[in-house]
């Protein structure tokens, strides 16, 4: 937490203890590249295996492609083709 934020919380008069202060904190835990790539593969696999998740998988991978385009592009291509095939079936 930023010092100014902590001072404001303490000055608010709510008698916050350390645990309460920590509950107000935003903690960023970086995720490794391998974990990110595995998560992308899992999203694609779920979309391929479960019709109900296909469009959600495409949407999720489109969002992730903004920073992992080199990983998401092949999965997105496969999922979009699968969606096209499923939509063309009677």
Protein backbone atom coordinates (compact mmCIF):
# COMPACT_ATOMS: atom_id res chain seq x y z
CA UNK A 1 0.00 0.00 0.00
CA UNK A 2 1.09 3.50 -0.65
CA UNK A 3 2.02 5.45 2.50
CA UNK A 4 -0.62 8.10 1.76
CA UNK A 5 -3.31 5.42 1.54
CA UNK A 6 -2.24 3.92 4.85
CA UNK A 7 -2.27 7.33 6.53
CA UNK A 8 -5.78 8.03 5.23
CA UNK A 9 -7.06 4.67 6.44
CA UNK A 10 -5.52 5.18 9.88
CA UNK A 11 -6.75 8.79 10.07
CA UNK A 12 -10.29 7.70 9.20
CA UNK A 13 -10.76 6.79 12.85
CA UNK A 14 -11.99 3.29 12.15
CA UNK A 15 -9.38 1.76 14.48
CA UNK A 16 -8.10 -0.49 11.72
CA UNK A 17 -5.58 -3.07 12.80
CA UNK A 18 -2.79 -4.45 10.62
CA UNK A 19 -4.95 -7.28 9.23
CA UNK A 20 -7.64 -4.80 8.24
CA UNK A 21 -5.05 -2.61 6.55
CA UNK A 22 -3.72 -5.56 4.57
CA UNK A 23 -7.23 -6.50 3.51
CA UNK A 24 -7.42 -3.10 1.79
CA UNK A 25 -4.18 -3.70 -0.13
CA UNK A 26 -3.93 -4.75 -3.74
CA UNK A 27 -1.20 -7.30 -4.15
CA UNK A 28 0.08 -8.12 -7.61
CA UNK A 29 1.63 -11.54 -7.99
CA UNK A 30 3.34 -11.99 -11.34
CA UNK A 31 2.63 -15.18 -13.24
CA UNK A 32 5.42 -16.89 -15.16
CA UNK A 33 5.43 -17.26 -18.93
CA UNK A 34 4.94 -21.03 -18.78
CA UNK A 35 1.87 -20.60 -16.56
CA UNK A 36 0.42 -18.02 -18.94
CA UNK A 37 0.98 -20.26 -21.95
CA UNK A 38 -0.54 -23.24 -20.15
CA UNK A 39 -3.61 -21.19 -19.21
CA UNK A 40 -4.05 -20.13 -22.84
CA UNK A 41 -3.81 -23.76 -23.98
CA UNK A 42 -6.35 -24.78 -21.32
CA UNK A 43 -8.82 -22.11 -22.44
CA UNK A 44 -8.53 -23.32 -26.03
CA UNK A 45 -8.92 -26.96 -25.02
CA UNK A 46 -12.05 -26.23 -23.00
CA UNK A 47 -13.52 -24.36 -25.95
CA UNK A 48 -12.83 -27.28 -28.27
CA UNK A 49 -14.30 -29.89 -25.93
CA UNK A 50 -17.40 -28.06 -24.72
CA UNK A 51 -19.73 -26.34 -27.17
CA UNK A 52 -21.09 -24.06 -24.48
CA UNK A 53 -17.58 -22.67 -23.83
CA UNK A 54 -16.50 -22.18 -27.45
CA UNK A 55 -17.52 -18.54 -27.84
CA UNK A 56 -16.32 -17.66 -24.34
CA UNK A 57 -12.95 -19.23 -25.14
CA UNK A 58 -12.66 -17.19 -28.30
CA UNK A 59 -13.51 -14.01 -26.40
CA UNK A 60 -11.00 -14.78 -23.67
CA UNK A 61 -8.22 -15.54 -26.12
CA UNK A 62 -8.98 -12.39 -28.08
CA UNK A 63 -8.46 -10.40 -24.88
CA UNK A 64 -5.25 -12.25 -24.09
CA UNK A 65 -3.97 -11.75 -27.63
CA UNK A 66 -3.28 -8.11 -26.80
CA UNK A 67 -0.15 -9.21 -24.95
CA UNK A 68 0.39 -12.86 -25.97
CA UNK A 69 -0.46 -12.74 -29.68
CA UNK A 70 2.29 -15.18 -30.62
CA UNK A 71 0.66 -17.84 -28.43
CA UNK A 72 -3.04 -17.12 -28.92
CA UNK A 73 -3.15 -16.72 -32.70
CA UNK A 74 -3.00 -20.43 -33.61
CA UNK A 75 -5.56 -21.33 -30.97
CA UNK A 76 -7.88 -18.54 -32.10
CA UNK A 77 -7.63 -19.66 -35.71
CA UNK A 78 -8.57 -23.24 -34.74
CA UNK A 79 -11.43 -22.14 -32.50
CA UNK A 80 -12.89 -19.75 -35.09
CA UNK A 81 -12.77 -22.50 -37.71
CA UNK A 82 -14.49 -24.89 -35.31
CA UNK A 83 -17.17 -22.26 -34.61
CA UNK A 84 -17.66 -21.74 -38.35
CA UNK A 85 -18.06 -25.51 -38.89
CA UNK A 86 -20.48 -25.89 -35.97
CA UNK A 87 -22.56 -22.92 -37.16
CA UNK A 88 -22.80 -24.34 -40.69
CA UNK A 89 -24.18 -27.70 -39.51
CA UNK A 90 -27.96 -28.13 -39.59
